[in-house]
Amino acid sequence: MSPEIFVKRSLAAASVARGETIQSLWSGYGEIVRYLVSGTQYNLTSVIVKSIRLDMVMTHPRGWQSDLSHQRKLQSYQVETQWYKDWSKRVSPTARMAKCYGVHETQNEIFILLEDLDASGFEYRHGQLTWSACLPVLDWLASFHSQFIVSSQDSYQGLWARGSYWHLDTRPDEWQAMADSELKQQARRIDQTLKQASYQTLLHGDAKVANFCFSESGKNVAAVDFQYTGQGVGVQDVAYFLGSCLDETSLAEHLAFLLDHYFAELTRCLVAQGESPDFATKVEAEWRALFDLAWADFHRFILGWSPNHPKNTSFSQRITEAALASLRTS
């Protein structure tokens, strides 16, 4: 089936025309394209189709192509498909994301038909943010995390057993490539500590600033790209997001306030859902204590994947050292 026929059938559209290519998928696994439509049951003028090829073995831009890498990528698209088919329907509108109008799966190809967030007022993208511009995304993360939080190990069917694209079980090659260091030696302990946290939730799993779409005012955001959604500790998303959009100076000056803001909103969301303030306090205490370890966990990935990457900053090194120091005394 062609994407045009898929769109036409899914929307009962009078007409469908291919528009611009928004981007190619990482390592060439497919593309994201805008389609112009008319006469749809939803009164739409444009939609987005994410087209994924599952039968292609591509070349990784940083040379990490392997069967393990390929299988991880295939699973990520299957997870995203499951997310839009099932889990996205359970999310409150306070954690805004693109509506899904349909999914088509064959053995070798997946089409995901999504709302055009640009047309819905989320047309702005950013590579960096000021500290204050981070607050709507932290609110989004707090809302999202609050909706799936559990006080015991749980199973999120069809999603990753562990959310985030860098978690250790799926990155043995990058771990092996690390220079010998205390971080390398403690990588498994860090991973196990995060896994064994009492309070788990669903992570977005790739919550970088590029995966959030902003309104013109910047006060409203919507998220995209749910390929690595799975169980984890909320501060894993928070650490990754803040590291993706703030420079070292802003992080050093404003990190404490930004964490306070996230936890205040997380508490508000939990209490609004009927949880007790005592429950929210326990979640915050555990997750605050794990923030440095969550940061160090991603830093471990960077040092194996691309040690000269701009994210290998002195600030990141300091947070990682604080995490390692906490392990030495525990």
Protein backbone atom coordinates (compact mmCIF):
# COMPACT_ATOMS: atom_id res chain seq x y z
CA MET A 1 0.00 0.00 0.00
CA SER A 2 1.27 3.46 -0.84
CA PRO A 3 1.29 6.21 1.80
CA GLU A 4 -1.25 8.15 -0.25
CA ILE A 5 -3.74 5.26 -0.22
CA PHE A 6 -3.13 4.71 3.50
CA VAL A 7 -3.88 8.36 4.24
CA LYS A 8 -6.93 8.40 1.99
CA ARG A 9 -8.44 5.28 3.56
CA SER A 10 -7.59 6.23 7.14
CA LEU A 11 -9.16 9.68 6.87
CA ALA A 12 -11.84 8.95 4.26
CA ALA A 13 -10.23 11.89 2.45
CA ALA A 14 -11.47 13.33 -0.82
CA SER A 15 -7.90 14.10 -1.93
CA VAL A 16 -4.36 13.41 -0.79
CA ALA A 17 -1.17 14.99 -2.13
CA ARG A 18 2.40 14.53 -0.98
CA GLY A 19 3.90 17.72 0.43
CA GLU A 20 7.40 18.36 1.71
CA THR A 21 9.75 15.85 3.29
CA ILE A 22 10.26 16.97 6.88
CA GLN A 23 13.22 14.71 7.56
CA SER A 24 14.82 11.36 6.85
CA LEU A 25 14.92 8.94 9.76
CA TRP A 26 18.19 8.20 11.56
CA SER A 27 20.48 5.94 9.52
CA GLY A 28 18.06 6.04 6.58
CA TYR A 29 15.28 3.80 7.92
CA GLY A 30 12.56 5.88 6.33
CA GLU A 31 11.16 9.40 6.25
CA ILE A 32 8.66 11.80 7.75
CA VAL A 33 6.50 13.56 5.16
CA ARG A 34 3.68 16.09 5.27
CA TYR A 35 0.62 15.26 3.14
CA LEU A 36 -2.00 17.77 2.07
CA VAL A 37 -5.55 16.49 2.44
CA SER A 38 -9.10 17.67 1.88
CA GLY A 39 -12.58 16.41 2.63
CA THR A 40 -11.54 14.43 5.70
CA GLN A 41 -13.78 13.33 8.53
CA TYR A 42 -11.59 15.37 10.90
CA ASN A 43 -11.69 18.58 8.80
CA LEU A 44 -7.90 18.48 8.34
CA THR A 45 -5.81 20.22 5.70
CA SER A 46 -2.51 18.43 6.40
CA VAL A 47 -1.19 15.39 8.22
CA ILE A 48 2.17 13.76 8.90
CA VAL A 49 3.16 10.25 7.84
CA LYS A 50 6.13 8.52 9.43
CA SER A 51 7.19 5.78 6.98
CA ILE A 52 9.56 3.13 8.32
CA ARG A 53 11.33 0.40 6.39
CA LEU A 54 12.08 -2.67 8.50
CA ASP A 55 13.98 -4.68 5.88
CA MET A 56 16.91 -2.28 5.43
CA VAL A 57 20.34 -2.62 7.00
CA MET A 58 21.66 0.91 6.98
CA THR A 59 24.95 2.65 7.60
CA HIS A 60 25.23 4.33 10.98
CA PRO A 61 26.57 7.91 10.66
CA ARG A 62 29.04 7.35 13.51
CA GLY A 63 30.12 3.88 12.46
CA TRP A 64 28.10 1.91 15.01
CA GLN A 65 26.29 -0.28 12.53
CA SER A 66 25.90 -3.88 13.74
CA ASP A 67 23.17 -6.47 13.95
CA LEU A 68 22.59 -5.43 17.58
CA SER A 69 22.22 -1.81 16.49
CA HIS A 70 19.86 -2.82 13.70
CA GLN A 71 17.70 -4.95 15.99
CA ARG A 72 17.56 -2.16 18.57
CA LYS A 73 16.37 0.25 15.91
CA LEU A 74 13.74 -2.20 14.63
CA GLN A 75 12.44 -2.71 18.15
CA SER A 76 12.31 1.05 18.66
CA TYR A 77 9.94 1.44 15.72
CA GLN A 78 7.80 -1.45 16.91
CA VAL A 79 7.63 0.20 20.34
CA GLU A 80 6.62 3.51 18.78
CA THR A 81 3.91 1.75 16.78
CA GLN A 82 2.57 0.15 19.97
CA TRP A 83 2.76 3.50 21.73
CA TYR A 84 0.52 5.19 19.17
CA LYS A 85 -1.84 2.22 18.80
CA ASP A 86 -2.46 1.77 22.51
CA TRP A 87 -0.60 3.80 25.11
CA SER A 88 -0.98 7.30 23.68
CA LYS A 89 -4.73 7.09 24.23
CA ARG A 90 -4.12 6.87 27.99
CA VAL A 91 -2.24 10.15 28.24
CA SER A 92 -3.91 13.25 29.65
CA PRO A 93 -4.12 16.31 27.35
CA THR A 94 -1.76 18.08 29.77
CA ALA A 95 1.06 16.03 28.20
CA ARG A 96 0.26 17.13 24.66
CA MET A 97 1.41 15.01 21.73
CA ALA A 98 0.40 14.44 18.14
CA LYS A 99 -2.90 12.64 17.72
CA CYS A 100 -2.61 9.34 15.87
CA TYR A 101 -5.17 8.78 13.10
CA GLY A 102 -4.02 5.32 12.05
CA VAL A 103 -1.24 2.74 11.81
CA HIS A 104 -0.50 0.35 8.96
CA GLU A 105 1.92 -2.54 9.48
CA THR A 106 3.36 -5.15 7.14
CA GLN A 107 6.34 -7.43 7.59
CA ASN A 108 8.68 -4.87 6.08
CA GLU A 109 7.02 -1.50 6.50
CA ILE A 110 5.16 0.67 9.00
CA PHE A 111 3.12 3.82 8.34
CA ILE A 112 2.09 6.00 11.29
CA LEU A 113 -0.44 8.73 10.48
CA LEU A 114 -0.17 11.68 12.83
CA GLU A 115 -1.58 15.11 13.49
CA ASP A 116 0.39 17.96 11.89
CA LEU A 117 1.48 19.80 15.03
CA ASP A 118 2.57 22.82 12.98
CA ALA A 119 -1.01 23.27 11.83
CA SER A 120 -2.19 22.90 15.43
CA GLY A 121 -0.13 25.82 16.71
CA PHE A 122 3.10 24.06 17.67
CA GLU A 123 5.21 25.19 14.73
CA TYR A 124 8.36 26.29 16.57
CA ARG A 125 11.46 24.14 17.14
CA HIS A 126 14.52 25.04 19.20
CA GLY A 127 18.06 23.75 19.49
CA GLN A 128 18.80 25.61 22.73
CA LEU A 129 16.68 27.27 25.39
CA THR A 130 17.01 29.83 28.13
CA TRP A 131 16.47 28.42 31.60
CA SER A 132 13.00 29.99 31.81
CA ALA A 133 11.97 28.53 28.45
CA CYS A 134 12.63 25.06 29.91
CA LEU A 135 9.74 25.34 32.35
CA PRO A 136 6.90 24.29 29.98
CA VAL A 137 8.84 21.17 29.00
CA LEU A 138 9.50 20.33 32.65
CA ASP A 139 5.76 20.74 33.23
CA TRP A 140 5.11 18.35 30.34
CA LEU A 141 7.53 15.79 31.76
CA ALA A 142 6.03 16.08 35.25
CA SER A 143 2.54 15.52 33.87
CA PHE A 144 3.65 12.58 31.74
CA HIS A 145 5.61 10.91 34.53
CA SER A 146 2.82 11.40 37.07
CA GLN A 147 0.31 9.55 34.92
CA PHE A 148 2.26 6.29 34.84
CA ILE A 149 4.00 6.21 38.18
CA VAL A 150 3.94 2.98 40.16
CA SER A 151 5.27 2.04 43.60
CA SER A 152 6.44 -1.40 42.51
CA GLN A 153 7.95 -2.96 39.43
CA ASP A 154 5.35 -3.07 36.67
CA SER A 155 5.09 -4.20 33.07
CA TYR A 156 4.30 -1.78 30.26
CA GLN A 157 3.24 -4.20 27.55
CA GLY A 158 4.68 -3.57 24.12
CA LEU A 159 7.10 -0.88 25.31
CA TRP A 160 10.74 -1.09 26.34
CA ALA A 161 11.38 -2.96 29.57
CA ARG A 162 13.78 -0.08 30.25
CA GLY A 163 13.13 3.28 28.66
CA SER A 164 15.84 5.53 27.10
CA TYR A 165 17.95 4.77 24.06
CA TRP A 166 21.22 4.69 26.01
CA HIS A 167 20.46 2.17 28.74
CA LEU A 168 23.26 -0.25 29.39
CA ASP A 169 21.61 -3.51 28.35
CA THR A 170 21.29 -2.27 24.76
CA ARG A 171 24.70 -0.55 24.61
CA PRO A 172 27.37 -3.20 25.34
CA ASP A 173 29.47 -2.13 22.34
CA GLU A 174 29.62 1.47 23.51
CA TRP A 175 30.49 0.35 27.04
CA GLN A 176 33.28 -1.84 25.68
CA ALA A 177 34.65 1.10 23.69
CA MET A 178 35.04 3.27 26.81
CA ALA A 179 38.50 3.94 28.13
CA ASP A 180 39.05 2.21 31.46
CA SER A 181 37.73 4.41 34.24
CA GLU A 182 35.78 4.33 37.47
CA LEU A 183 32.65 5.22 35.50
CA LYS A 184 33.14 2.20 33.27
CA GLN A 185 33.69 -0.03 36.28
CA GLN A 186 30.59 1.32 38.03
CA ALA A 187 28.32 1.36 34.97
CA ARG A 188 26.47 -1.80 35.95
CA ARG A 189 25.98 -0.59 39.50
CA ILE A 190 24.55 2.71 38.29
CA ASP A 191 22.24 0.85 35.92
CA GLN A 192 21.07 -1.52 38.65
CA THR A 193 20.45 1.31 41.10
CA LEU A 194 18.16 3.03 38.61
CA LYS A 195 16.42 -0.26 37.81
CA GLN A 196 15.82 -1.04 41.47
CA ALA A 197 14.29 2.30 42.40
CA SER A 198 11.03 1.82 44.27
CA TYR A 199 9.13 4.35 42.18
CA GLN A 200 9.09 3.76 38.44
CA THR A 201 7.18 5.43 35.64
CA LEU A 202 7.14 5.61 31.86
CA LEU A 203 9.97 7.61 30.36
CA HIS A 204 9.62 9.43 27.08
CA GLY A 205 13.08 7.97 26.50
CA ASP A 206 14.44 10.58 24.07
CA ALA A 207 13.31 13.83 25.68
CA LYS A 208 15.79 16.15 23.97
CA VAL A 209 14.66 19.65 23.09
CA ALA A 210 14.48 18.73 19.39
CA ASN A 211 11.63 16.34 20.19
CA PHE A 212 9.41 19.10 21.56
CA CYS A 213 7.30 21.41 19.42
CA PHE A 214 6.58 24.87 20.84
CA SER A 215 3.79 27.39 20.44
CA GLU A 216 4.73 30.92 19.36
CA SER A 217 4.69 32.12 22.96
CA GLY A 218 6.75 29.13 24.10
CA LYS A 219 4.27 28.48 26.90
CA ASN A 220 2.75 25.37 25.31
CA VAL A 221 4.63 22.32 24.09
CA ALA A 222 3.87 19.00 22.44
CA ALA A 223 6.18 15.98 22.24
CA VAL A 224 7.08 13.70 19.35
CA ASP A 225 9.24 10.59 18.84
CA PHE A 226 8.24 7.81 21.24
CA GLN A 227 10.65 5.15 19.98
CA TYR A 228 12.34 4.61 23.34
CA THR A 229 9.42 4.85 25.73
CA GLY A 230 9.61 2.43 28.62
CA GLN A 231 10.01 2.01 32.34
CA GLY A 232 12.43 4.17 34.28
CA VAL A 233 12.95 6.94 36.80
CA GLY A 234 11.57 10.35 35.87
CA VAL A 235 14.84 12.21 36.41
CA GLN A 236 16.39 10.24 33.56
CA ASP A 237 14.21 12.23 31.16
CA VAL A 238 14.83 15.44 33.10
CA ALA A 239 18.62 15.09 33.07
CA TYR A 240 18.70 14.28 29.37
CA PHE A 241 16.38 17.15 28.48
CA LEU A 242 18.30 19.78 30.45
CA GLY A 243 21.62 18.59 29.04
CA SER A 244 20.20 18.85 25.52
CA CYS A 245 19.22 22.51 25.65
CA LEU A 246 21.22 24.46 28.25
CA ASP A 247 24.85 25.55 28.17
CA GLU A 248 27.17 24.87 31.08
CA THR A 249 26.76 28.31 32.61
CA SER A 250 22.97 28.07 32.63
CA LEU A 251 23.09 24.57 34.06
CA ALA A 252 25.44 25.61 36.85
CA GLU A 253 23.37 28.66 37.74
CA HIS A 254 19.84 27.31 37.39
CA LEU A 255 19.86 23.52 37.85
CA ALA A 256 18.67 23.65 41.47
CA PHE A 257 15.73 25.90 40.58
CA LEU A 258 14.79 23.80 37.55
CA LEU A 259 14.74 20.62 39.62
CA ASP A 260 12.64 22.37 42.26
CA HIS A 261 10.20 23.40 39.54
CA TYR A 262 9.93 19.90 38.10
CA PHE A 263 9.32 18.31 41.50
CA ALA A 264 6.79 20.96 42.52
CA GLU A 265 4.83 20.28 39.34
CA LEU A 266 5.20 16.51 39.76
CA THR A 267 3.80 16.81 43.29
CA ARG A 268 0.92 18.98 42.07
CA CYS A 269 0.06 16.46 39.35
CA LEU A 270 0.23 13.47 41.68
CA VAL A 271 -1.99 15.11 44.31
CA ALA A 272 -4.44 16.22 41.59
CA GLN A 273 -4.69 12.57 40.51
CA GLY A 274 -5.62 11.54 44.04
CA GLU A 275 -2.25 10.51 45.43
CA SER A 276 -1.39 11.64 48.95
CA PRO A 277 1.16 14.39 49.64
CA ASP A 278 3.13 11.77 51.58
CA PHE A 279 3.35 9.59 48.47
CA ALA A 280 4.55 12.54 46.39
CA THR A 281 7.16 13.39 49.02
CA LYS A 282 8.53 9.84 48.91
CA VAL A 283 8.76 9.91 45.10
CA GLU A 284 10.57 13.23 45.16
CA ALA A 285 13.04 12.12 47.83
CA GLU A 286 14.00 8.99 45.89
CA TRP A 287 14.21 10.65 42.48
CA ARG A 288 16.19 13.67 43.74
CA ALA A 289 18.76 11.30 45.21
CA LEU A 290 19.02 9.54 41.82
CA PHE A 291 19.46 12.64 39.64
CA ASP A 292 23.28 12.58 39.60
CA LEU A 293 23.27 8.84 38.81
CA ALA A 294 20.80 9.40 35.98
CA TRP A 295 23.10 12.08 34.57
CA ALA A 296 26.14 9.84 34.94
CA ASP A 297 24.33 7.01 33.20
CA PHE A 298 23.95 9.13 30.05
CA HIS A 299 27.52 10.43 30.40
CA ARG A 300 28.68 6.80 30.34
CA PHE A 301 26.95 6.36 27.00
CA ILE A 302 28.55 9.51 25.55
CA LEU A 303 32.05 8.43 26.59
CA GLY A 304 31.64 5.16 24.75
CA TRP A 305 29.66 6.38 21.76
CA SER A 306 31.48 9.62 20.96
CA PRO A 307 33.93 10.79 23.66
CA ASN A 308 34.68 14.01 21.77
CA HIS A 309 31.00 14.91 21.55
CA PRO A 310 30.11 18.46 22.70
CA LYS A 311 28.00 16.92 25.48
CA ASN A 312 31.17 15.71 27.19
CA THR A 313 31.40 18.95 29.14
CA SER A 314 33.15 19.89 32.35
CA PHE A 315 29.73 20.33 33.96
CA SER A 316 28.73 16.81 32.95
CA GLN A 317 32.02 15.50 34.28
CA ARG A 318 31.40 17.23 37.64
CA ILE A 319 27.91 15.75 38.00
CA THR A 320 29.28 12.32 37.09
CA GLU A 321 32.04 12.66 39.67
CA ALA A 322 29.42 13.56 42.30
CA ALA A 323 27.50 10.43 41.36
CA LEU A 324 30.59 8.26 41.65
CA ALA A 325 31.45 9.85 45.00
CA SER A 326 27.98 8.93 46.28
CA LEU A 327 28.58 5.32 45.28
CA ARG A 328 31.90 5.24 47.12
CA THR A 329 30.21 6.19 50.39
CA SER A 330 27.11 4.02 50.04
